[in-house]
Amino acid sequence: MKNILVYEFFLNNDVSADEYIINEACFMVNFLLNFYLKYPKLFRVFIPINNKYKYFKNKNVEYIEASKLFSFRFDEVVVIAPEENYCLYNLLKKFKVDFTNYLSEDFVKYSSNKLKLYNKLCSKYSFIEPVYENPLNVPSEKIITKPIDGYGSCNTSVGDVNQICKLNKNYSKKFIFQKFHDKPICSANILVNSKKSYVLSINEIVAKQKNNNIITEKIIIGKHNNLLSKVNKITESIIKEFNIKKGVFGFDFILVNSHTIKIIDVNPRLTTSFFGLIESLPVNPLEYLYNLQNKFNINDHKVCEINL
């Protein structure tokens, strides 16, 4: 039996977070608990003692005091946290997580700084959209600026070079810049276990531009599953590059045309679209992480929408 801790950053720290973030955090934790509690002979599940966890008091889980969180020996720690300021990476290190159970240390670390990640990959792979430290160097009339850690679409701006320079008069190393493509934005959900990797779904992100910002409105799960062969090749390259052994990650990309896709973001964690798979797949996708299921066909999907 494995001792599993489910730790959600916003539910365990006194940081400012709006109602949407807290609701999403609770949804994610609930999703994980429902899976682990389904197998009481395989998993013993812990969550921290915290008033924000009151939503889960009826669950058959064990509570652990905050003072014991980092000293108790867990077989696995499932951390839900943003990459911002290396938050996710530092928490995993503090929990002394075995990175063979959580993607890989290099992958989480590089993905927490998009400039370093893209610089590492751009020289090797054509599927990466280049990034720039200075908006004046972007070879495009319309450009996009985003936080260097990729955290929060509300901090993403779009405009011509002059607009972006005005919006970012004091732009610093905390922001990166890319060419803006007026093309469909897609995402892929990837799962890797000890035996194989799975492209679980290829989705479309429906976003709108408001006051120069990009706001995600909904995600259409499985809409672009026909891109499987292209996404598979990219997935295999990322797994090999970072020696990923086990875990869940995702990446966002632009569908430039029917032959070309360009990655614009990589997420070393559970993403919002991953939780939408519970409506799209016939089984909980975490079944594949622990080899409780081994037969998977992306065509078994039903297309569904997540409204945000």
C-alpha atoms as a PDB file:
ATOM      1  CA  MET A   1       0.000   0.000   0.000  1.00  0.00           C
ATOM      2  CA  LYS A   2       1.303   3.446  -0.946  1.00  0.00           C
ATOM      3  CA  ASN A   3       1.077   6.482   1.330  1.00  0.00           C
ATOM      4  CA  ILE A   4      -0.075   9.349  -0.911  1.00  0.00           C
ATOM      5  CA  LEU A   5      -0.167  13.029   0.063  1.00  0.00           C
ATOM      6  CA  VAL A   6      -2.336  15.356  -2.021  1.00  0.00           C
ATOM      7  CA  TYR A   7      -1.035  18.905  -1.575  1.00  0.00           C
ATOM      8  CA  GLU A   8      -2.605  21.923  -3.275  1.00  0.00           C
ATOM      9  CA  PHE A   9      -0.629  25.168  -3.024  1.00  0.00           C
ATOM     10  CA  PHE A  10      -3.476  27.694  -2.792  1.00  0.00           C
ATOM     11  CA  LEU A  11      -5.318  25.661  -0.153  1.00  0.00           C
ATOM     12  CA  ASN A  12      -2.243  25.544   2.075  1.00  0.00           C
ATOM     13  CA  ASN A  13      -0.824  29.047   1.896  1.00  0.00           C
ATOM     14  CA  ASP A  14      -1.987  32.520   2.844  1.00  0.00           C
ATOM     15  CA  VAL A  15      -1.702  33.957  -0.639  1.00  0.00           C
ATOM     16  CA  SER A  16      -4.213  36.110  -2.448  1.00  0.00           C
ATOM     17  CA  ALA A  17      -6.364  34.000  -4.725  1.00  0.00           C
ATOM     18  CA  ASP A  18      -9.755  34.788  -6.196  1.00  0.00           C
ATOM     19  CA  GLU A  19     -12.807  32.557  -5.860  1.00  0.00           C
ATOM     20  CA  TYR A  20     -12.229  30.989  -9.277  1.00  0.00           C
ATOM     21  CA  ILE A  21      -8.749  29.758  -8.304  1.00  0.00           C
ATOM     22  CA  ILE A  22      -9.976  28.342  -4.980  1.00  0.00           C
ATOM     23  CA  ASN A  23     -12.901  26.583  -6.674  1.00  0.00           C
ATOM     24  CA  GLU A  24     -10.583  25.116  -9.289  1.00  0.00           C
ATOM     25  CA  ALA A  25      -8.170  24.005  -6.553  1.00  0.00           C
ATOM     26  CA  CYS A  26     -10.980  22.222  -4.714  1.00  0.00           C
ATOM     27  CA  PHE A  27     -12.125  20.590  -7.944  1.00  0.00           C
ATOM     28  CA  MET A  28      -8.619  19.272  -8.627  1.00  0.00           C
ATOM     29  CA  VAL A  29      -8.199  17.879  -5.115  1.00  0.00           C
ATOM     30  CA  ASN A  30     -11.628  16.257  -5.264  1.00  0.00           C
ATOM     31  CA  PHE A  31     -10.740  14.668  -8.610  1.00  0.00           C
ATOM     32  CA  LEU A  32      -7.580  13.143  -7.123  1.00  0.00           C
ATOM     33  CA  LEU A  33      -9.239  11.964  -3.917  1.00  0.00           C
ATOM     34  CA  ASN A  34     -12.045  10.244  -5.807  1.00  0.00           C
ATOM     35  CA  PHE A  35      -9.479   8.275  -7.749  1.00  0.00           C
ATOM     36  CA  TYR A  36      -7.227   7.224  -4.850  1.00  0.00           C
ATOM     37  CA  LEU A  37     -10.129   6.390  -2.527  1.00  0.00           C
ATOM     38  CA  LYS A  38     -11.506   4.046  -5.162  1.00  0.00           C
ATOM     39  CA  TYR A  39      -8.576   1.717  -4.368  1.00  0.00           C
ATOM     40  CA  PRO A  40      -8.298   1.506  -0.550  1.00  0.00           C
ATOM     41  CA  LYS A  41      -6.082  -1.585  -0.784  1.00  0.00           C
ATOM     42  CA  LEU A  42      -3.569   0.253  -2.962  1.00  0.00           C
ATOM     43  CA  PHE A  43      -3.512   3.775  -1.543  1.00  0.00           C
ATOM     44  CA  ARG A  44      -3.615   5.410   1.881  1.00  0.00           C
ATOM     45  CA  VAL A  45      -4.490   9.053   1.214  1.00  0.00           C
ATOM     46  CA  PHE A  46      -3.478  12.082   3.287  1.00  0.00           C
ATOM     47  CA  ILE A  47      -4.384  15.756   3.064  1.00  0.00           C
ATOM     48  CA  PRO A  48      -3.193  18.582   5.361  1.00  0.00           C
ATOM     49  CA  ILE A  49      -5.267  19.785   8.294  1.00  0.00           C
ATOM     50  CA  ASN A  50      -6.503  23.150   7.064  1.00  0.00           C
ATOM     51  CA  ASN A  51      -9.791  25.048   7.185  1.00  0.00           C
ATOM     52  CA  LYS A  52      -9.706  25.372   3.419  1.00  0.00           C
ATOM     53  CA  TYR A  53      -9.962  21.593   3.206  1.00  0.00           C
ATOM     54  CA  LYS A  54     -13.351  21.606   4.941  1.00  0.00           C
ATOM     55  CA  TYR A  55     -14.897  20.651   1.587  1.00  0.00           C
ATOM     56  CA  PHE A  56     -13.411  17.171   1.926  1.00  0.00           C
ATOM     57  CA  LYS A  57     -14.299  16.298   5.532  1.00  0.00           C
ATOM     58  CA  ASN A  58     -16.750  13.655   4.412  1.00  0.00           C
ATOM     59  CA  LYS A  59     -14.069  11.896   2.414  1.00  0.00           C
ATOM     60  CA  ASN A  60     -12.433   8.793   3.830  1.00  0.00           C
ATOM     61  CA  VAL A  61      -9.015  10.429   3.999  1.00  0.00           C
ATOM     62  CA  GLU A  62      -6.433  10.862   6.729  1.00  0.00           C
ATOM     63  CA  TYR A  63      -5.439  14.310   7.939  1.00  0.00           C
ATOM     64  CA  ILE A  64      -1.886  15.297   8.756  1.00  0.00           C
ATOM     65  CA  GLU A  65      -0.676  18.324  10.718  1.00  0.00           C
ATOM     66  CA  ALA A  66       1.223  20.999   8.836  1.00  0.00           C
ATOM     67  CA  SER A  67       4.208  20.547  11.167  1.00  0.00           C
ATOM     68  CA  LYS A  68       4.576  16.939  10.006  1.00  0.00           C
ATOM     69  CA  LEU A  69       4.110  17.510   6.286  1.00  0.00           C
ATOM     70  CA  PHE A  70       7.784  17.601   5.408  1.00  0.00           C
ATOM     71  CA  SER A  71       8.989  14.982   7.881  1.00  0.00           C
ATOM     72  CA  PHE A  72       6.452  12.196   7.294  1.00  0.00           C
ATOM     73  CA  ARG A  73       7.620   9.646   4.759  1.00  0.00           C
ATOM     74  CA  PHE A  74       5.195   9.489   1.838  1.00  0.00           C
ATOM     75  CA  ASP A  75       5.606   7.103  -1.058  1.00  0.00           C
ATOM     76  CA  GLU A  76       4.289   9.775  -3.400  1.00  0.00           C
ATOM     77  CA  VAL A  77       3.379  13.440  -3.057  1.00  0.00           C
ATOM     78  CA  VAL A  78       0.960  14.857  -5.615  1.00  0.00           C
ATOM     79  CA  VAL A  79       1.688  18.589  -5.693  1.00  0.00           C
ATOM     80  CA  ILE A  80      -0.631  21.003  -7.462  1.00  0.00           C
ATOM     81  CA  ALA A  81       1.151  24.344  -7.697  1.00  0.00           C
ATOM     82  CA  PRO A  82       2.071  27.003 -10.256  1.00  0.00           C
ATOM     83  CA  GLU A  83       5.536  27.196 -11.790  1.00  0.00           C
ATOM     84  CA  GLU A  84       5.669  30.869 -10.763  1.00  0.00           C
ATOM     85  CA  ASN A  85       8.978  31.776  -9.081  1.00  0.00           C
ATOM     86  CA  TYR A  86       9.910  28.066  -9.083  1.00  0.00           C
ATOM     87  CA  CYS A  87       7.046  27.422  -6.631  1.00  0.00           C
ATOM     88  CA  LEU A  88       6.305  23.901  -7.917  1.00  0.00           C
ATOM     89  CA  TYR A  89       9.972  22.948  -8.197  1.00  0.00           C
ATOM     90  CA  ASN A  90      10.846  24.198  -4.700  1.00  0.00           C
ATOM     91  CA  LEU A  91       7.889  22.382  -3.131  1.00  0.00           C
ATOM     92  CA  LEU A  92       8.887  19.111  -4.781  1.00  0.00           C
ATOM     93  CA  LYS A  93      12.423  19.551  -3.474  1.00  0.00           C
ATOM     94  CA  LYS A  94      11.142  20.397   0.005  1.00  0.00           C
ATOM     95  CA  PHE A  95       9.018  17.249   0.036  1.00  0.00           C
ATOM     96  CA  LYS A  96      12.113  15.332  -1.124  1.00  0.00           C
ATOM     97  CA  VAL A  97      10.052  13.920  -3.966  1.00  0.00           C
ATOM     98  CA  ASP A  98      11.555  11.094  -5.970  1.00  0.00           C
ATOM     99  CA  PHE A  99      11.570  12.706  -9.407  1.00  0.00           C
ATOM    100  CA  THR A 100      11.315   9.316 -11.089  1.00  0.00           C
ATOM    101  CA  ASN A 101       7.696   9.448  -9.868  1.00  0.00           C
ATOM    102  CA  TYR A 102       7.254  13.074 -10.926  1.00  0.00           C
ATOM    103  CA  LEU A 103       8.394  13.589 -14.511  1.00  0.00           C
ATOM    104  CA  SER A 104      12.061  14.552 -14.023  1.00  0.00           C
ATOM    105  CA  GLU A 105      13.898  17.194 -12.029  1.00  0.00           C
ATOM    106  CA  ASP A 106      15.327  18.863 -15.143  1.00  0.00           C
ATOM    107  CA  PHE A 107      11.922  18.996 -16.809  1.00  0.00           C
ATOM    108  CA  VAL A 108      10.217  20.702 -13.859  1.00  0.00           C
ATOM    109  CA  LYS A 109      13.118  23.111 -13.371  1.00  0.00           C
ATOM    110  CA  TYR A 110      13.431  24.129 -17.028  1.00  0.00           C
ATOM    111  CA  SER A 111       9.657  24.437 -17.432  1.00  0.00           C
ATOM    112  CA  SER A 112       9.601  26.959 -14.583  1.00  0.00           C
ATOM    113  CA  ASN A 113      11.588  29.391 -16.728  1.00  0.00           C
ATOM    114  CA  LYS A 114      10.224  29.491 -20.267  1.00  0.00           C
ATOM    115  CA  LEU A 115      13.231  31.363 -21.655  1.00  0.00           C
ATOM    116  CA  LYS A 116      15.639  28.676 -20.463  1.00  0.00           C
ATOM    117  CA  LEU A 117      13.280  25.948 -21.665  1.00  0.00           C
ATOM    118  CA  TYR A 118      12.921  27.393 -25.157  1.00  0.00           C
ATOM    119  CA  ASN A 119      16.635  28.157 -25.454  1.00  0.00           C
ATOM    120  CA  LYS A 120      17.354  24.532 -24.617  1.00  0.00           C
ATOM    121  CA  LEU A 121      14.870  23.169 -27.157  1.00  0.00           C
ATOM    122  CA  CYS A 122      14.958  25.716 -29.997  1.00  0.00           C
ATOM    123  CA  SER A 123      18.389  24.717 -31.257  1.00  0.00           C
ATOM    124  CA  LYS A 124      17.312  21.073 -31.560  1.00  0.00           C
ATOM    125  CA  TYR A 125      13.664  21.079 -32.555  1.00  0.00           C
ATOM    126  CA  SER A 126      11.691  23.001 -35.179  1.00  0.00           C
ATOM    127  CA  PHE A 127       8.408  22.575 -33.285  1.00  0.00           C
ATOM    128  CA  ILE A 128       9.284  25.272 -30.712  1.00  0.00           C
ATOM    129  CA  GLU A 129       8.108  28.841 -31.275  1.00  0.00           C
ATOM    130  CA  PRO A 130      11.151  31.083 -30.580  1.00  0.00           C
ATOM    131  CA  VAL A 131      11.064  33.521 -27.655  1.00  0.00           C
ATOM    132  CA  TYR A 132      12.807  36.841 -27.208  1.00  0.00           C
ATOM    133  CA  GLU A 133      13.890  38.954 -24.261  1.00  0.00           C
ATOM    134  CA  ASN A 134      13.319  42.207 -26.150  1.00  0.00           C
ATOM    135  CA  PRO A 135      10.046  42.919 -28.027  1.00  0.00           C
ATOM    136  CA  LEU A 136      11.962  44.900 -30.650  1.00  0.00           C
ATOM    137  CA  ASN A 137      13.707  41.703 -31.736  1.00  0.00           C
ATOM    138  CA  VAL A 138      10.518  39.773 -32.527  1.00  0.00           C
ATOM    139  CA  PRO A 139      10.231  39.374 -36.340  1.00  0.00           C
ATOM    140  CA  SER A 140       6.528  40.207 -36.439  1.00  0.00           C
ATOM    141  CA  GLU A 141       4.267  43.264 -36.523  1.00  0.00           C
ATOM    142  CA  LYS A 142       2.013  41.739 -33.872  1.00  0.00           C
ATOM    143  CA  ILE A 143       3.570  40.155 -30.806  1.00  0.00           C
ATOM    144  CA  ILE A 144       2.593  38.548 -27.525  1.00  0.00           C
ATOM    145  CA  THR A 145       4.179  39.069 -24.121  1.00  0.00           C
ATOM    146  CA  LYS A 146       3.861  36.638 -21.236  1.00  0.00           C
ATOM    147  CA  PRO A 147       5.442  36.001 -17.820  1.00  0.00           C
ATOM    148  CA  ILE A 148       8.738  34.143 -18.019  1.00  0.00           C
ATOM    149  CA  ASP A 149       7.265  31.388 -15.823  1.00  0.00           C
ATOM    150  CA  GLY A 150       4.125  31.191 -17.972  1.00  0.00           C
ATOM    151  CA  TYR A 151       1.861  31.839 -14.996  1.00  0.00           C
ATOM    152  CA  GLY A 152      -1.585  33.264 -15.707  1.00  0.00           C
ATOM    153  CA  SER A 153      -3.179  34.122 -19.046  1.00  0.00           C
ATOM    154  CA  CYS A 154      -4.437  37.329 -17.395  1.00  0.00           C
ATOM    155  CA  ASN A 155      -0.811  38.522 -17.501  1.00  0.00           C
ATOM    156  CA  THR A 156      -0.528  37.873 -21.252  1.00  0.00           C
ATOM    157  CA  SER A 157      -0.730  40.857 -23.617  1.00  0.00           C
ATOM    158  CA  VAL A 158      -1.084  41.095 -27.400  1.00  0.00           C
ATOM    159  CA  GLY A 159      -0.453  44.050 -29.696  1.00  0.00           C
ATOM    160  CA  ASP A 160       1.865  45.627 -32.220  1.00  0.00           C
ATOM    161  CA  VAL A 161       5.423  46.449 -31.229  1.00  0.00           C
ATOM    162  CA  ASN A 162       4.597  50.023 -30.203  1.00  0.00           C
ATOM    163  CA  GLN A 163       1.643  48.921 -28.045  1.00  0.00           C
ATOM    164  CA  ILE A 164       3.679  46.221 -26.340  1.00  0.00           C
ATOM    165  CA  CYS A 165       6.548  48.613 -25.667  1.00  0.00           C
ATOM    166  CA  LYS A 166       4.103  51.094 -24.093  1.00  0.00           C
ATOM    167  CA  LEU A 167       2.518  48.355 -21.984  1.00  0.00           C
ATOM    168  CA  ASN A 168       5.941  47.128 -20.954  1.00  0.00           C
ATOM    169  CA  LYS A 169       7.913  50.341 -20.519  1.00  0.00           C
ATOM    170  CA  ASN A 170       9.665  48.718 -17.622  1.00  0.00           C
ATOM    171  CA  TYR A 171       9.780  45.235 -19.110  1.00  0.00           C
ATOM    172  CA  SER A 172      12.392  43.104 -17.460  1.00  0.00           C
ATOM    173  CA  LYS A 173      13.679  39.565 -17.327  1.00  0.00           C
ATOM    174  CA  LYS A 174      10.305  38.578 -15.855  1.00  0.00           C
ATOM    175  CA  PHE A 175       8.678  38.699 -19.304  1.00  0.00           C
ATOM    176  CA  ILE A 176       9.286  37.048 -22.658  1.00  0.00           C
ATOM    177  CA  PHE A 177       8.016  37.900 -26.133  1.00  0.00           C
ATOM    178  CA  GLN A 178       6.880  35.822 -29.109  1.00  0.00           C
ATOM    179  CA  LYS A 179       5.442  36.251 -32.573  1.00  0.00           C
ATOM    180  CA  PHE A 180       1.633  36.323 -32.453  1.00  0.00           C
ATOM    181  CA  HIS A 181      -0.133  33.796 -34.689  1.00  0.00           C
ATOM    182  CA  ASP A 182      -3.804  34.425 -35.419  1.00  0.00           C
ATOM    183  CA  LYS A 183      -4.350  30.675 -35.587  1.00  0.00           C
ATOM    184  CA  PRO A 184      -6.125  28.034 -33.450  1.00  0.00           C
ATOM    185  CA  ILE A 185      -4.571  27.513 -30.010  1.00  0.00           C
ATOM    186  CA  CYS A 186      -4.426  23.855 -28.994  1.00  0.00           C
ATOM    187  CA  SER A 187      -3.230  21.805 -26.047  1.00  0.00           C
ATOM    188  CA  ALA A 188      -2.173  18.212 -25.488  1.00  0.00           C
ATOM    189  CA  ASN A 189      -2.500  16.088 -22.348  1.00  0.00           C
ATOM    190  CA  ILE A 190       0.333  13.600 -21.891  1.00  0.00           C
ATOM    191  CA  LEU A 191       0.680  10.752 -19.393  1.00  0.00           C
ATOM    192  CA  VAL A 192       3.800   8.640 -18.884  1.00  0.00           C
ATOM    193  CA  ASN A 193       4.015   5.494 -16.777  1.00  0.00           C
ATOM    194  CA  SER A 194       6.715   2.888 -16.248  1.00  0.00           C
ATOM    195  CA  LYS A 195       5.770   1.076 -19.452  1.00  0.00           C
ATOM    196  CA  LYS A 196       4.694   3.617 -22.069  1.00  0.00           C
ATOM    197  CA  SER A 197       3.443   7.108 -22.811  1.00  0.00           C
ATOM    198  CA  TYR A 198      -0.057   8.186 -23.792  1.00  0.00           C
ATOM    199  CA  VAL A 199      -1.310  11.219 -25.667  1.00  0.00           C
ATOM    200  CA  LEU A 200      -4.647  11.353 -23.855  1.00  0.00           C
ATOM    201  CA  SER A 201      -6.263  14.169 -25.805  1.00  0.00           C
ATOM    202  CA  ILE A 202      -5.568  17.042 -28.167  1.00  0.00           C
ATOM    203  CA  ASN A 203      -7.795  19.996 -27.431  1.00  0.00           C
ATOM    204  CA  GLU A 204      -8.700  23.451 -28.690  1.00  0.00           C
ATOM    205  CA  ILE A 205      -8.419  26.452 -26.387  1.00  0.00           C
ATOM    206  CA  VAL A 206     -11.072  29.071 -27.089  1.00  0.00           C
ATOM    207  CA  ALA A 207      -9.777  32.480 -26.047  1.00  0.00           C
ATOM    208  CA  LYS A 208     -10.717  36.100 -26.578  1.00  0.00           C
ATOM    209  CA  GLN A 209      -8.725  39.300 -26.560  1.00  0.00           C
ATOM    210  CA  LYS A 210      -9.860  41.867 -23.997  1.00  0.00           C
ATOM    211  CA  ASN A 211      -7.988  45.099 -23.310  1.00  0.00           C
ATOM    212  CA  ASN A 212      -4.876  43.670 -24.972  1.00  0.00           C
ATOM    213  CA  ASN A 213      -5.054  40.571 -22.747  1.00  0.00           C
ATOM    214  CA  ILE A 214      -5.777  36.986 -23.775  1.00  0.00           C
ATOM    215  CA  ILE A 215      -8.587  35.424 -21.722  1.00  0.00           C
ATOM    216  CA  THR A 216      -9.339  31.691 -21.944  1.00  0.00           C
ATOM    217  CA  GLU A 217     -13.103  31.098 -22.209  1.00  0.00           C
ATOM    218  CA  LYS A 218     -13.348  27.347 -22.703  1.00  0.00           C
ATOM    219  CA  ILE A 219     -11.460  24.213 -23.726  1.00  0.00           C
ATOM    220  CA  ILE A 220     -12.880  21.755 -26.259  1.00  0.00           C
ATOM    221  CA  ILE A 221     -11.495  18.384 -25.163  1.00  0.00           C
ATOM    222  CA  GLY A 222     -10.517  16.026 -27.977  1.00  0.00           C
ATOM    223  CA  LYS A 223     -11.367  18.356 -30.875  1.00  0.00           C
ATOM    224  CA  HIS A 224      -7.970  17.887 -32.555  1.00  0.00           C
ATOM    225  CA  ASN A 225      -7.281  14.217 -31.846  1.00  0.00           C
ATOM    226  CA  ASN A 226      -6.678  13.845 -35.589  1.00  0.00           C
ATOM    227  CA  LEU A 227      -3.264  15.464 -34.976  1.00  0.00           C
ATOM    228  CA  LEU A 228      -2.142  12.423 -32.978  1.00  0.00           C
ATOM    229  CA  SER A 229       0.795  11.399 -35.193  1.00  0.00           C
ATOM    230  CA  LYS A 230       2.344  14.896 -35.092  1.00  0.00           C
ATOM    231  CA  VAL A 231       1.788  15.303 -31.351  1.00  0.00           C
ATOM    232  CA  ASN A 232       3.185  11.814 -30.706  1.00  0.00           C
ATOM    233  CA  LYS A 233       6.489  12.729 -32.358  1.00  0.00           C
ATOM    234  CA  ILE A 234       6.806  15.894 -30.279  1.00  0.00           C
ATOM    235  CA  THR A 235       5.880  14.025 -27.095  1.00  0.00           C
ATOM    236  CA  GLU A 236       8.534  11.381 -27.698  1.00  0.00           C
ATOM    237  CA  SER A 237      11.150  14.097 -28.256  1.00  0.00           C
ATOM    238  CA  ILE A 238      10.283  15.857 -24.969  1.00  0.00           C
ATOM    239  CA  ILE A 239      10.260  12.598 -22.994  1.00  0.00           C
ATOM    240  CA  LYS A 240      13.648  11.612 -24.401  1.00  0.00           C
ATOM    241  CA  GLU A 241      15.183  15.079 -23.965  1.00  0.00           C
ATOM    242  CA  PHE A 242      14.295  15.244 -20.262  1.00  0.00           C
ATOM    243  CA  ASN A 243      14.410  11.527 -19.447  1.00  0.00           C
ATOM    244  CA  ILE A 244      10.819  11.525 -18.164  1.00  0.00           C
ATOM    245  CA  LYS A 245       9.878   8.261 -16.425  1.00  0.00           C
ATOM    246  CA  LYS A 246       6.442   8.841 -14.922  1.00  0.00           C
ATOM    247  CA  GLY A 247       3.913  11.611 -14.558  1.00  0.00           C
ATOM    248  CA  VAL A 248       1.482  13.929 -16.268  1.00  0.00           C
ATOM    249  CA  PHE A 249       2.274  17.036 -18.289  1.00  0.00           C
ATOM    250  CA  GLY A 250       0.842  19.146 -21.073  1.00  0.00           C
ATOM    251  CA  PHE A 251       1.811  21.605 -23.731  1.00  0.00           C
ATOM    252  CA  ASP A 252       0.049  24.345 -25.679  1.00  0.00           C
ATOM    253  CA  PHE A 253       0.684  24.883 -29.348  1.00  0.00           C
ATOM    254  CA  ILE A 254      -0.388  26.906 -32.366  1.00  0.00           C
ATOM    255  CA  LEU A 255      -1.832  25.078 -35.360  1.00  0.00           C
ATOM    256  CA  VAL A 256       0.045  27.162 -37.940  1.00  0.00           C
ATOM    257  CA  ASN A 257      -1.306  25.049 -40.810  1.00  0.00           C
ATOM    258  CA  SER A 258      -2.284  21.434 -41.468  1.00  0.00           C
ATOM    259  CA  HIS A 259       1.393  20.448 -41.580  1.00  0.00           C
ATOM    260  CA  THR A 260       2.961  22.651 -38.901  1.00  0.00           C
ATOM    261  CA  ILE A 261       2.477  23.073 -35.170  1.00  0.00           C
ATOM    262  CA  LYS A 262       4.506  25.317 -32.863  1.00  0.00           C
ATOM    263  CA  ILE A 263       4.712  24.818 -29.093  1.00  0.00           C
ATOM    264  CA  ILE A 264       4.135  28.048 -27.160  1.00  0.00           C
ATOM    265  CA  ASP A 265       4.015  26.698 -23.591  1.00  0.00           C
ATOM    266  CA  VAL A 266       4.904  23.574 -21.608  1.00  0.00           C
ATOM    267  CA  ASN A 267       3.313  22.698 -18.242  1.00  0.00           C
ATOM    268  CA  PRO A 268       5.076  20.200 -15.929  1.00  0.00           C
ATOM    269  CA  ARG A 269       1.927  19.411 -13.947  1.00  0.00           C
ATOM    270  CA  LEU A 270      -1.742  18.562 -13.998  1.00  0.00           C
ATOM    271  CA  THR A 271      -3.580  21.130 -16.096  1.00  0.00           C
ATOM    272  CA  THR A 272      -7.196  22.270 -16.199  1.00  0.00           C
ATOM    273  CA  SER A 273      -7.837  20.379 -19.429  1.00  0.00           C
ATOM    274  CA  PHE A 274      -6.577  17.142 -17.837  1.00  0.00           C
ATOM    275  CA  PHE A 275      -9.469  17.215 -15.393  1.00  0.00           C
ATOM    276  CA  GLY A 276     -11.881  17.565 -18.289  1.00  0.00           C
ATOM    277  CA  LEU A 277     -10.833  14.107 -19.427  1.00  0.00           C
ATOM    278  CA  ILE A 278     -13.054  12.553 -16.770  1.00  0.00           C
ATOM    279  CA  GLU A 279     -15.998  13.610 -18.964  1.00  0.00           C
ATOM    280  CA  SER A 280     -14.307  12.623 -22.208  1.00  0.00           C
ATOM    281  CA  LEU A 281     -12.694   9.252 -21.484  1.00  0.00           C
ATOM    282  CA  PRO A 282     -14.501   6.059 -20.459  1.00  0.00           C
ATOM    283  CA  VAL A 283     -12.233   5.731 -17.373  1.00  0.00           C
ATOM    284  CA  ASN A 284     -10.353   8.069 -15.044  1.00  0.00           C
ATOM    285  CA  PRO A 285      -7.068   8.844 -16.879  1.00  0.00           C
ATOM    286  CA  LEU A 286      -5.080   8.244 -13.683  1.00  0.00           C
ATOM    287  CA  GLU A 287      -5.860   4.550 -14.130  1.00  0.00           C
ATOM    288  CA  TYR A 288      -3.139   4.543 -16.800  1.00  0.00           C
ATOM    289  CA  LEU A 289      -0.591   6.214 -14.524  1.00  0.00           C
ATOM    290  CA  TYR A 290      -0.672   3.241 -12.155  1.00  0.00           C
ATOM    291  CA  ASN A 291      -1.088   0.573 -14.843  1.00  0.00           C
ATOM    292  CA  LEU A 292      -4.616  -0.226 -13.668  1.00  0.00           C
ATOM    293  CA  GLN A 293      -5.679   0.080 -17.302  1.00  0.00           C
ATOM    294  CA  ASN A 294      -3.545  -0.643 -20.345  1.00  0.00           C
ATOM    295  CA  LYS A 295      -5.915  -0.547 -23.295  1.00  0.00           C
ATOM    296  CA  PHE A 296      -6.184   2.969 -24.651  1.00  0.00           C
ATOM    297  CA  ASN A 297      -7.500   4.325 -27.919  1.00  0.00           C
ATOM    298  CA  ILE A 298      -7.742   8.069 -28.390  1.00  0.00           C
ATOM    299  CA  ASN A 299     -10.713   7.455 -30.694  1.00  0.00           C
ATOM    300  CA  ASP A 300     -12.732   6.256 -27.675  1.00  0.00           C
ATOM    301  CA  HIS A 301     -13.030   9.924 -26.720  1.00  0.00           C
ATOM    302  CA  LYS A 302     -16.198  11.879 -26.848  1.00  0.00           C
ATOM    303  CA  VAL A 303     -15.620  15.558 -27.552  1.00  0.00           C
ATOM    304  CA  CYS A 304     -16.711  17.760 -24.642  1.00  0.00           C
ATOM    305  CA  GLU A 305     -16.316  21.345 -23.475  1.00  0.00           C
ATOM    306  CA  ILE A 306     -14.984  22.883 -20.259  1.00  0.00           C
ATOM    307  CA  ASN A 307     -16.272  26.412 -19.671  1.00  0.00           C
ATOM    308  CA  LEU A 308     -13.911  28.580 -17.646  1.00  0.00           C
END
